[in-house]
């Protein structure tokens, strides 16, 4: 497989497990330029990976920008029409880039294309309830095995940058979660096309891309994920519908999480307490208008 010159793979990392990142890079190596956005100022990380892998460049962001801002930085630095956004905990099947190249060679009309998963543990794509579901009779594009959809999961997003006015694709108010849903909704509202490909398959390890895989960060990571899942949920509904709509969607989760938080505090289950504390705090912070400020302590 020759190098695809008009494709850059952008991988955002932060305290990512070396083995997981190596497996991701190995599945891409020699098939596209790789641009790693490391959300820190870790010069040893940059030296290690650039010296080990050809056609790979590491950009140190200087701070933890999160998923959206980190990818925006990578998109702004990509010197190619096409970009593949990749989580570091994704492994690409051997024919992935060969099949992806056919969409480039045929100049396929799309804004975003996502892959399929062999495993049924995760949904690779889906539809927004408030938007009309695409007629299933028109789903498959002849000879290209593309299925039109509303959204794809953000761990792997093949993007034609010519379909966008600028490189700031993601709303940087999100730090973690819901960025891809927000982006896909904007693409649809602007008349863009989103597909999932029946020819592109990846293995997504799931929640292994950063400190979550390190046992010493388990509780802190649980709080972080819970906090941002709820903050981002509220913000997504608020932004795309209304503040009142967000309250209606989130108040039940807030009170259920509050009750469980108190319950697990009483019965000394620190892990469960941390998770529900994160949920309560995330919703409350967005409810009172605070930005997505919570980060792991160094």
C-alpha atoms as a PDB file:
ATOM      1  CA  UNK A   1       0.000   0.000   0.000  1.00  0.00           C
ATOM      2  CA  UNK A   2       1.541   3.300  -1.093  1.00  0.00           C
ATOM      3  CA  UNK A   3       1.382   6.475   0.921  1.00  0.00           C
ATOM      4  CA  UNK A   4      -1.836   8.451   0.352  1.00  0.00           C
ATOM      5  CA  UNK A   5      -0.377  11.910  -0.251  1.00  0.00           C
ATOM      6  CA  UNK A   6      -3.666  13.801   0.056  1.00  0.00           C
ATOM      7  CA  UNK A   7      -4.498  12.367   3.492  1.00  0.00           C
ATOM      8  CA  UNK A   8      -3.371  13.310   7.009  1.00  0.00           C
ATOM      9  CA  UNK A   9      -4.283  11.262  10.072  1.00  0.00           C
ATOM     10  CA  UNK A  10      -4.737  13.438  13.167  1.00  0.00           C
ATOM     11  CA  UNK A  11      -4.422  11.722  16.557  1.00  0.00           C
ATOM     12  CA  UNK A  12      -5.000  13.692  19.777  1.00  0.00           C
ATOM     13  CA  UNK A  13      -3.237  12.213  22.804  1.00  0.00           C
ATOM     14  CA  UNK A  14      -2.907  12.961  26.508  1.00  0.00           C
ATOM     15  CA  UNK A  15      -1.025  10.628  28.843  1.00  0.00           C
ATOM     16  CA  UNK A  16      -1.871   7.843  26.386  1.00  0.00           C
ATOM     17  CA  UNK A  17      -0.631   4.320  27.093  1.00  0.00           C
ATOM     18  CA  UNK A  18       2.393   3.617  24.861  1.00  0.00           C
ATOM     19  CA  UNK A  19       1.302   0.144  23.780  1.00  0.00           C
ATOM     20  CA  UNK A  20      -2.144   1.354  22.746  1.00  0.00           C
ATOM     21  CA  UNK A  21      -0.735   4.289  20.785  1.00  0.00           C
ATOM     22  CA  UNK A  22       1.915   2.095  19.131  1.00  0.00           C
ATOM     23  CA  UNK A  23      -0.765  -0.348  17.938  1.00  0.00           C
ATOM     24  CA  UNK A  24      -2.756   2.513  16.446  1.00  0.00           C
ATOM     25  CA  UNK A  25       0.285   3.983  14.668  1.00  0.00           C
ATOM     26  CA  UNK A  26       1.423   0.589  13.364  1.00  0.00           C
ATOM     27  CA  UNK A  27      -1.967   0.078  11.695  1.00  0.00           C
ATOM     28  CA  UNK A  28      -1.537   3.423   9.848  1.00  0.00           C
ATOM     29  CA  UNK A  29       2.214   3.522   9.217  1.00  0.00           C
ATOM     30  CA  UNK A  30       3.246   3.920   5.585  1.00  0.00           C
ATOM     31  CA  UNK A  31      -0.284   4.642   4.404  1.00  0.00           C
ATOM     32  CA  UNK A  32      -0.729   8.308   5.355  1.00  0.00           C
ATOM     33  CA  UNK A  33       1.068  11.148   7.087  1.00  0.00           C
ATOM     34  CA  UNK A  34       0.448  11.043  10.844  1.00  0.00           C
ATOM     35  CA  UNK A  35       0.070  14.207  12.905  1.00  0.00           C
ATOM     36  CA  UNK A  36      -0.054  13.593  16.666  1.00  0.00           C
ATOM     37  CA  UNK A  37      -1.367  16.442  18.798  1.00  0.00           C
ATOM     38  CA  UNK A  38      -0.039  15.776  22.298  1.00  0.00           C
ATOM     39  CA  UNK A  39      -2.057  17.810  24.787  1.00  0.00           C
ATOM     40  CA  UNK A  40       0.935  18.677  26.971  1.00  0.00           C
ATOM     41  CA  UNK A  41       4.463  20.041  26.692  1.00  0.00           C
ATOM     42  CA  UNK A  42       6.126  16.631  26.962  1.00  0.00           C
ATOM     43  CA  UNK A  43       9.297  17.045  24.879  1.00  0.00           C
ATOM     44  CA  UNK A  44      10.424  13.471  25.634  1.00  0.00           C
ATOM     45  CA  UNK A  45       7.185  12.171  24.092  1.00  0.00           C
ATOM     46  CA  UNK A  46       7.820  14.190  20.926  1.00  0.00           C
ATOM     47  CA  UNK A  47      11.425  13.024  20.596  1.00  0.00           C
ATOM     48  CA  UNK A  48      10.557   9.377  21.217  1.00  0.00           C
ATOM     49  CA  UNK A  49       7.777   9.126  18.645  1.00  0.00           C
ATOM     50  CA  UNK A  50       9.343  11.263  15.923  1.00  0.00           C
ATOM     51  CA  UNK A  51      12.608   9.306  16.126  1.00  0.00           C
ATOM     52  CA  UNK A  52      10.800   5.959  16.069  1.00  0.00           C
ATOM     53  CA  UNK A  53       8.309   6.525  13.247  1.00  0.00           C
ATOM     54  CA  UNK A  54       8.881   7.975   9.759  1.00  0.00           C
ATOM     55  CA  UNK A  55       6.326  10.399   8.335  1.00  0.00           C
ATOM     56  CA  UNK A  56       5.014  11.178  11.831  1.00  0.00           C
ATOM     57  CA  UNK A  57       5.086  14.616  13.427  1.00  0.00           C
ATOM     58  CA  UNK A  58       4.242  15.426  17.035  1.00  0.00           C
ATOM     59  CA  UNK A  59       2.833  18.849  17.908  1.00  0.00           C
ATOM     60  CA  UNK A  60       2.955  19.779  21.594  1.00  0.00           C
ATOM     61  CA  UNK A  61      -0.087  21.893  22.436  1.00  0.00           C
ATOM     62  CA  UNK A  62       1.387  23.071  25.750  1.00  0.00           C
ATOM     63  CA  UNK A  63      -1.785  22.275  27.695  1.00  0.00           C
ATOM     64  CA  UNK A  64      -4.701  19.836  27.761  1.00  0.00           C
ATOM     65  CA  UNK A  65      -6.956  21.236  25.038  1.00  0.00           C
ATOM     66  CA  UNK A  66      -9.387  18.319  25.018  1.00  0.00           C
ATOM     67  CA  UNK A  67     -10.778  16.470  21.984  1.00  0.00           C
ATOM     68  CA  UNK A  68     -12.342  19.322  20.014  1.00  0.00           C
ATOM     69  CA  UNK A  69      -9.660  21.990  20.358  1.00  0.00           C
ATOM     70  CA  UNK A  70      -6.905  19.402  19.945  1.00  0.00           C
ATOM     71  CA  UNK A  71      -8.393  18.185  16.672  1.00  0.00           C
ATOM     72  CA  UNK A  72      -8.977  21.751  15.487  1.00  0.00           C
ATOM     73  CA  UNK A  73      -5.268  22.375  16.007  1.00  0.00           C
ATOM     74  CA  UNK A  74      -4.430  19.299  13.974  1.00  0.00           C
ATOM     75  CA  UNK A  75      -6.861  20.264  11.215  1.00  0.00           C
ATOM     76  CA  UNK A  76      -5.318  23.741  11.007  1.00  0.00           C
ATOM     77  CA  UNK A  77      -1.863  22.206  10.452  1.00  0.00           C
ATOM     78  CA  UNK A  78      -2.859  19.525   7.942  1.00  0.00           C
ATOM     79  CA  UNK A  79      -1.568  20.193   4.418  1.00  0.00           C
ATOM     80  CA  UNK A  80      -4.029  17.888   2.709  1.00  0.00           C
ATOM     81  CA  UNK A  81      -7.587  18.015   1.440  1.00  0.00           C
ATOM     82  CA  UNK A  82      -8.590  14.929   3.396  1.00  0.00           C
ATOM     83  CA  UNK A  83      -8.125  14.291   7.114  1.00  0.00           C
ATOM     84  CA  UNK A  84      -8.809  11.168   9.128  1.00  0.00           C
ATOM     85  CA  UNK A  85      -9.460  12.045  12.757  1.00  0.00           C
ATOM     86  CA  UNK A  86      -8.484   9.096  14.911  1.00  0.00           C
ATOM     87  CA  UNK A  87      -8.595   8.315  18.594  1.00  0.00           C
ATOM     88  CA  UNK A  88      -5.372   6.664  19.780  1.00  0.00           C
ATOM     89  CA  UNK A  89      -7.326   3.574  20.913  1.00  0.00           C
ATOM     90  CA  UNK A  90      -8.356   2.660  17.343  1.00  0.00           C
ATOM     91  CA  UNK A  91      -6.738  -0.090  15.272  1.00  0.00           C
ATOM     92  CA  UNK A  92      -7.321  -0.074  11.509  1.00  0.00           C
ATOM     93  CA  UNK A  93      -7.933  -3.279   9.576  1.00  0.00           C
ATOM     94  CA  UNK A  94      -5.350  -4.147   6.907  1.00  0.00           C
ATOM     95  CA  UNK A  95      -7.522  -3.071   3.944  1.00  0.00           C
ATOM     96  CA  UNK A  96      -8.897   0.088   5.597  1.00  0.00           C
ATOM     97  CA  UNK A  97      -6.693   2.608   3.779  1.00  0.00           C
ATOM     98  CA  UNK A  98      -6.915   0.771   0.457  1.00  0.00           C
ATOM     99  CA  UNK A  99     -10.710   1.017   0.633  1.00  0.00           C
ATOM    100  CA  UNK A 100     -10.591   4.590   1.904  1.00  0.00           C
ATOM    101  CA  UNK A 101      -8.414   5.571  -1.062  1.00  0.00           C
ATOM    102  CA  UNK A 102     -11.190   4.579  -3.472  1.00  0.00           C
ATOM    103  CA  UNK A 103     -13.360   7.409  -2.104  1.00  0.00           C
ATOM    104  CA  UNK A 104     -10.526   9.864  -2.774  1.00  0.00           C
ATOM    105  CA  UNK A 105      -9.777   8.482  -6.240  1.00  0.00           C
ATOM    106  CA  UNK A 106     -13.441   8.646  -7.263  1.00  0.00           C
ATOM    107  CA  UNK A 107     -13.827  12.165  -5.851  1.00  0.00           C
ATOM    108  CA  UNK A 108     -16.811  10.984  -3.821  1.00  0.00           C
ATOM    109  CA  UNK A 109     -19.154  13.733  -2.628  1.00  0.00           C
ATOM    110  CA  UNK A 110     -19.222  13.681   1.167  1.00  0.00           C
ATOM    111  CA  UNK A 111     -18.503  15.802   4.211  1.00  0.00           C
ATOM    112  CA  UNK A 112     -17.791  12.993   6.683  1.00  0.00           C
ATOM    113  CA  UNK A 113     -17.499   9.213   6.360  1.00  0.00           C
ATOM    114  CA  UNK A 114     -17.317   6.884   9.355  1.00  0.00           C
ATOM    115  CA  UNK A 115     -16.342   3.198   9.679  1.00  0.00           C
ATOM    116  CA  UNK A 116     -18.115   0.073  10.893  1.00  0.00           C
ATOM    117  CA  UNK A 117     -17.146  -2.095  13.891  1.00  0.00           C
ATOM    118  CA  UNK A 118     -16.958  -5.871  13.857  1.00  0.00           C
ATOM    119  CA  UNK A 119     -17.913  -5.830  17.521  1.00  0.00           C
ATOM    120  CA  UNK A 120     -21.512  -5.029  18.430  1.00  0.00           C
ATOM    121  CA  UNK A 121     -20.456  -3.424  21.727  1.00  0.00           C
ATOM    122  CA  UNK A 122     -20.571   0.053  20.194  1.00  0.00           C
ATOM    123  CA  UNK A 123     -22.890   1.743  17.726  1.00  0.00           C
ATOM    124  CA  UNK A 124     -20.871   3.226  14.870  1.00  0.00           C
ATOM    125  CA  UNK A 125     -23.608   5.566  13.626  1.00  0.00           C
ATOM    126  CA  UNK A 126     -27.239   6.537  14.065  1.00  0.00           C
ATOM    127  CA  UNK A 127     -30.016   9.080  13.587  1.00  0.00           C
ATOM    128  CA  UNK A 128     -31.208  12.174  15.435  1.00  0.00           C
ATOM    129  CA  UNK A 129     -34.746  11.674  16.748  1.00  0.00           C
ATOM    130  CA  UNK A 130     -35.853  15.178  15.797  1.00  0.00           C
ATOM    131  CA  UNK A 131     -34.713  14.898  12.168  1.00  0.00           C
ATOM    132  CA  UNK A 132     -36.468  12.953   9.450  1.00  0.00           C
ATOM    133  CA  UNK A 133     -34.894   9.514   9.068  1.00  0.00           C
ATOM    134  CA  UNK A 134     -33.462   8.930   5.629  1.00  0.00           C
ATOM    135  CA  UNK A 135     -35.515   6.595   3.457  1.00  0.00           C
ATOM    136  CA  UNK A 136     -33.855   3.182   3.679  1.00  0.00           C
ATOM    137  CA  UNK A 137     -34.440   2.572  -0.043  1.00  0.00           C
ATOM    138  CA  UNK A 138     -32.007   5.392  -0.818  1.00  0.00           C
ATOM    139  CA  UNK A 139     -29.373   4.499   1.760  1.00  0.00           C
ATOM    140  CA  UNK A 140     -26.739   2.703  -0.292  1.00  0.00           C
ATOM    141  CA  UNK A 141     -24.739   4.510  -2.960  1.00  0.00           C
ATOM    142  CA  UNK A 142     -24.213   2.091  -5.849  1.00  0.00           C
ATOM    143  CA  UNK A 143     -20.728   0.504  -6.002  1.00  0.00           C
ATOM    144  CA  UNK A 144     -19.368   2.457  -3.052  1.00  0.00           C
ATOM    145  CA  UNK A 145     -21.058   0.736  -0.093  1.00  0.00           C
ATOM    146  CA  UNK A 146     -21.902   3.986   1.677  1.00  0.00           C
ATOM    147  CA  UNK A 147     -24.944   4.298   3.905  1.00  0.00           C
ATOM    148  CA  UNK A 148     -26.302   7.778   4.535  1.00  0.00           C
ATOM    149  CA  UNK A 149     -26.734   8.546   8.224  1.00  0.00           C
ATOM    150  CA  UNK A 150     -27.087  11.457  10.659  1.00  0.00           C
ATOM    151  CA  UNK A 151     -24.073  10.943  12.910  1.00  0.00           C
ATOM    152  CA  UNK A 152     -20.979   8.813  13.327  1.00  0.00           C
ATOM    153  CA  UNK A 153     -18.846   8.200  16.412  1.00  0.00           C
ATOM    154  CA  UNK A 154     -15.946  10.612  16.752  1.00  0.00           C
ATOM    155  CA  UNK A 155     -13.225   7.997  17.265  1.00  0.00           C
ATOM    156  CA  UNK A 156     -12.756   7.773  13.473  1.00  0.00           C
ATOM    157  CA  UNK A 157     -13.958  10.512  11.109  1.00  0.00           C
ATOM    158  CA  UNK A 158     -12.861  10.742   7.465  1.00  0.00           C
ATOM    159  CA  UNK A 159     -13.350  14.385   6.468  1.00  0.00           C
ATOM    160  CA  UNK A 160     -13.228  16.288   3.176  1.00  0.00           C
ATOM    161  CA  UNK A 161     -11.990  19.711   4.262  1.00  0.00           C
ATOM    162  CA  UNK A 162     -13.092  21.276   0.973  1.00  0.00           C
ATOM    163  CA  UNK A 163     -16.656  20.964   2.243  1.00  0.00           C
ATOM    164  CA  UNK A 164     -15.986  23.320   5.169  1.00  0.00           C
ATOM    165  CA  UNK A 165     -15.420  27.081   5.286  1.00  0.00           C
ATOM    166  CA  UNK A 166     -12.608  26.841   7.856  1.00  0.00           C
ATOM    167  CA  UNK A 167     -10.590  24.339   9.889  1.00  0.00           C
ATOM    168  CA  UNK A 168     -12.317  25.031  13.230  1.00  0.00           C
ATOM    169  CA  UNK A 169     -14.774  22.184  12.793  1.00  0.00           C
ATOM    170  CA  UNK A 170     -15.386  21.462  16.460  1.00  0.00           C
ATOM    171  CA  UNK A 171     -17.009  23.698  19.060  1.00  0.00           C
ATOM    172  CA  UNK A 172     -14.202  24.185  21.590  1.00  0.00           C
ATOM    173  CA  UNK A 173     -16.642  24.839  24.424  1.00  0.00           C
ATOM    174  CA  UNK A 174     -16.859  21.045  24.607  1.00  0.00           C
ATOM    175  CA  UNK A 175     -13.847  19.495  26.309  1.00  0.00           C
ATOM    176  CA  UNK A 176     -14.953  15.875  26.099  1.00  0.00           C
ATOM    177  CA  UNK A 177     -18.040  14.131  24.646  1.00  0.00           C
ATOM    178  CA  UNK A 178     -20.767  15.238  22.212  1.00  0.00           C
ATOM    179  CA  UNK A 179     -18.397  17.170  19.939  1.00  0.00           C
ATOM    180  CA  UNK A 180     -19.044  14.833  17.006  1.00  0.00           C
ATOM    181  CA  UNK A 181     -22.834  14.971  17.447  1.00  0.00           C
ATOM    182  CA  UNK A 182     -22.703  18.752  17.433  1.00  0.00           C
ATOM    183  CA  UNK A 183     -20.501  18.752  14.323  1.00  0.00           C
ATOM    184  CA  UNK A 184     -22.683  16.237  12.474  1.00  0.00           C
ATOM    185  CA  UNK A 185     -25.810  18.246  13.242  1.00  0.00           C
ATOM    186  CA  UNK A 186     -24.205  21.383  11.797  1.00  0.00           C
ATOM    187  CA  UNK A 187     -23.113  19.480   8.690  1.00  0.00           C
ATOM    188  CA  UNK A 188     -26.670  18.254   8.106  1.00  0.00           C
ATOM    189  CA  UNK A 189     -28.139  21.709   8.723  1.00  0.00           C
ATOM    190  CA  UNK A 190     -25.763  23.087   6.069  1.00  0.00           C
ATOM    191  CA  UNK A 191     -26.774  20.464   3.515  1.00  0.00           C
ATOM    192  CA  UNK A 192     -23.707  18.254   3.891  1.00  0.00           C
ATOM    193  CA  UNK A 193     -23.653  14.479   3.533  1.00  0.00           C
ATOM    194  CA  UNK A 194     -22.610  12.042   6.273  1.00  0.00           C
ATOM    195  CA  UNK A 195     -22.057   8.373   5.517  1.00  0.00           C
ATOM    196  CA  UNK A 196     -20.940   5.187   7.186  1.00  0.00           C
ATOM    197  CA  UNK A 197     -18.945   2.816   4.991  1.00  0.00           C
ATOM    198  CA  UNK A 198     -19.518  -0.910   4.740  1.00  0.00           C
ATOM    199  CA  UNK A 199     -15.938  -1.228   3.432  1.00  0.00           C
ATOM    200  CA  UNK A 200     -14.138   0.514   6.303  1.00  0.00           C
ATOM    201  CA  UNK A 201     -13.651  -1.439   9.522  1.00  0.00           C
ATOM    202  CA  UNK A 202     -11.818  -0.530  12.716  1.00  0.00           C
ATOM    203  CA  UNK A 203     -11.319  -1.996  16.152  1.00  0.00           C
ATOM    204  CA  UNK A 204     -12.176   0.557  18.815  1.00  0.00           C
ATOM    205  CA  UNK A 205     -10.837  -0.408  22.232  1.00  0.00           C
ATOM    206  CA  UNK A 206     -13.106   2.150  23.918  1.00  0.00           C
ATOM    207  CA  UNK A 207     -12.120   4.584  26.701  1.00  0.00           C
ATOM    208  CA  UNK A 208      -8.441   3.609  26.408  1.00  0.00           C
ATOM    209  CA  UNK A 209      -7.122   6.716  24.706  1.00  0.00           C
ATOM    210  CA  UNK A 210      -5.849   8.665  27.715  1.00  0.00           C
ATOM    211  CA  UNK A 211      -5.330   8.274  31.452  1.00  0.00           C
ATOM    212  CA  UNK A 212      -8.415   6.050  31.787  1.00  0.00           C
ATOM    213  CA  UNK A 213      -6.282   2.977  31.130  1.00  0.00           C
ATOM    214  CA  UNK A 214      -3.951   3.704  34.094  1.00  0.00           C
ATOM    215  CA  UNK A 215      -5.263   2.143  37.364  1.00  0.00           C
ATOM    216  CA  UNK A 216      -3.736   4.912  39.501  1.00  0.00           C
ATOM    217  CA  UNK A 217      -6.017   7.443  37.781  1.00  0.00           C
ATOM    218  CA  UNK A 218      -9.141   5.253  37.969  1.00  0.00           C
ATOM    219  CA  UNK A 219     -11.241   7.333  40.373  1.00  0.00           C
ATOM    220  CA  UNK A 220     -10.111  10.667  38.978  1.00  0.00           C
ATOM    221  CA  UNK A 221     -10.787   9.480  35.434  1.00  0.00           C
ATOM    222  CA  UNK A 222     -14.240   8.246  36.452  1.00  0.00           C
ATOM    223  CA  UNK A 223     -15.067  11.634  37.931  1.00  0.00           C
ATOM    224  CA  UNK A 224     -13.705  13.420  34.843  1.00  0.00           C
ATOM    225  CA  UNK A 225     -15.719  11.312  32.400  1.00  0.00           C
ATOM    226  CA  UNK A 226     -18.902  11.599  34.466  1.00  0.00           C
ATOM    227  CA  UNK A 227     -18.490  15.341  34.903  1.00  0.00           C
ATOM    228  CA  UNK A 228     -17.926  16.037  31.220  1.00  0.00           C
ATOM    229  CA  UNK A 229     -20.575  13.606  29.987  1.00  0.00           C
ATOM    230  CA  UNK A 230     -23.212  15.505  31.931  1.00  0.00           C
ATOM    231  CA  UNK A 231     -21.828  18.990  31.298  1.00  0.00           C
ATOM    232  CA  UNK A 232     -21.573  18.303  27.579  1.00  0.00           C
ATOM    233  CA  UNK A 233     -25.036  16.714  27.439  1.00  0.00           C
ATOM    234  CA  UNK A 234     -26.588  19.818  28.969  1.00  0.00           C
ATOM    235  CA  UNK A 235     -24.583  22.179  26.745  1.00  0.00           C
ATOM    236  CA  UNK A 236     -25.411  20.185  23.598  1.00  0.00           C
ATOM    237  CA  UNK A 237     -29.168  20.385  24.293  1.00  0.00           C
ATOM    238  CA  UNK A 238     -28.903  24.018  25.312  1.00  0.00           C
ATOM    239  CA  UNK A 239     -26.984  24.992  22.185  1.00  0.00           C
ATOM    240  CA  UNK A 240     -29.008  23.030  19.650  1.00  0.00           C
ATOM    241  CA  UNK A 241     -32.463  23.420  21.200  1.00  0.00           C
ATOM    242  CA  UNK A 242     -32.836  25.742  24.208  1.00  0.00           C
ATOM    243  CA  UNK A 243     -31.881  26.186  27.847  1.00  0.00           C
ATOM    244  CA  UNK A 244     -35.368  25.112  28.955  1.00  0.00           C
ATOM    245  CA  UNK A 245     -35.174  22.026  26.747  1.00  0.00           C
ATOM    246  CA  UNK A 246     -31.825  21.134  28.333  1.00  0.00           C
ATOM    247  CA  UNK A 247     -33.343  21.403  31.820  1.00  0.00           C
ATOM    248  CA  UNK A 248     -36.231  19.145  30.811  1.00  0.00           C
ATOM    249  CA  UNK A 249     -33.806  16.551  29.449  1.00  0.00           C
ATOM    250  CA  UNK A 250     -31.392  16.686  32.380  1.00  0.00           C
ATOM    251  CA  UNK A 251     -33.327  17.351  35.599  1.00  0.00           C
ATOM    252  CA  UNK A 252     -34.234  13.667  36.070  1.00  0.00           C
ATOM    253  CA  UNK A 253     -30.609  12.616  35.685  1.00  0.00           C
ATOM    254  CA  UNK A 254     -29.564  15.326  38.131  1.00  0.00           C
ATOM    255  CA  UNK A 255     -31.873  14.212  40.955  1.00  0.00           C
ATOM    256  CA  UNK A 256     -31.288  10.487  40.388  1.00  0.00           C
ATOM    257  CA  UNK A 257     -27.542  11.078  40.470  1.00  0.00           C
ATOM    258  CA  UNK A 258     -27.864  13.241  43.590  1.00  0.00           C
ATOM    259  CA  UNK A 259     -29.782  10.502  45.440  1.00  0.00           C
ATOM    260  CA  UNK A 260     -27.254   7.852  44.420  1.00  0.00           C
ATOM    261  CA  UNK A 261     -24.360  10.110  45.365  1.00  0.00           C
ATOM    262  CA  UNK A 262     -25.748  10.484  48.890  1.00  0.00           C
ATOM    263  CA  UNK A 263     -26.506   6.753  49.092  1.00  0.00           C
ATOM    264  CA  UNK A 264     -22.978   5.711  48.157  1.00  0.00           C
ATOM    265  CA  UNK A 265     -21.468   8.289  50.492  1.00  0.00           C
ATOM    266  CA  UNK A 266     -23.443   6.804  53.390  1.00  0.00           C
ATOM    267  CA  UNK A 267     -22.452   3.234  52.491  1.00  0.00           C
ATOM    268  CA  UNK A 268     -18.774   4.077  51.849  1.00  0.00           C
ATOM    269  CA  UNK A 269     -18.554   3.101  48.197  1.00  0.00           C
ATOM    270  CA  UNK A 270     -15.987   5.674  47.158  1.00  0.00           C
ATOM    271  CA  UNK A 271     -15.839   4.591  43.496  1.00  0.00           C
ATOM    272  CA  UNK A 272     -19.593   4.882  42.933  1.00  0.00           C
ATOM    273  CA  UNK A 273     -19.729   8.085  45.000  1.00  0.00           C
ATOM    274  CA  UNK A 274     -17.049   9.630  42.803  1.00  0.00           C
ATOM    275  CA  UNK A 275     -18.942   8.748  39.637  1.00  0.00           C
ATOM    276  CA  UNK A 276     -22.294  10.181  40.762  1.00  0.00           C
ATOM    277  CA  UNK A 277     -20.620  13.188  42.356  1.00  0.00           C
ATOM    278  CA  UNK A 278     -19.110  13.894  38.941  1.00  0.00           C
ATOM    279  CA  UNK A 279     -22.515  13.644  37.274  1.00  0.00           C
ATOM    280  CA  UNK A 280     -24.162  16.002  39.733  1.00  0.00           C
ATOM    281  CA  UNK A 281     -21.329  18.510  39.528  1.00  0.00           C
ATOM    282  CA  UNK A 282     -21.243  18.445  35.730  1.00  0.00           C
ATOM    283  CA  UNK A 283     -24.954  19.177  35.352  1.00  0.00           C
ATOM    284  CA  UNK A 284     -24.922  21.815  38.083  1.00  0.00           C
ATOM    285  CA  UNK A 285     -21.984  23.680  36.581  1.00  0.00           C
ATOM    286  CA  UNK A 286     -23.662  23.992  33.188  1.00  0.00           C
ATOM    287  CA  UNK A 287     -27.045  24.754  34.776  1.00  0.00           C
ATOM    288  CA  UNK A 288     -25.554  27.878  36.361  1.00  0.00           C
ATOM    289  CA  UNK A 289     -23.718  28.797  33.150  1.00  0.00           C
ATOM    290  CA  UNK A 290     -20.151  27.788  33.938  1.00  0.00           C
ATOM    291  CA  UNK A 291     -17.739  26.766  31.203  1.00  0.00           C
ATOM    292  CA  UNK A 292     -16.350  23.238  30.902  1.00  0.00           C
ATOM    293  CA  UNK A 293     -13.558  23.890  33.374  1.00  0.00           C
ATOM    294  CA  UNK A 294     -12.872  20.598  35.181  1.00  0.00           C
ATOM    295  CA  UNK A 295      -9.520  18.926  34.432  1.00  0.00           C
ATOM    296  CA  UNK A 296      -7.472  16.169  36.022  1.00  0.00           C
ATOM    297  CA  UNK A 297      -5.044  17.364  38.637  1.00  0.00           C
ATOM    298  CA  UNK A 298      -1.432  16.811  37.626  1.00  0.00           C
END
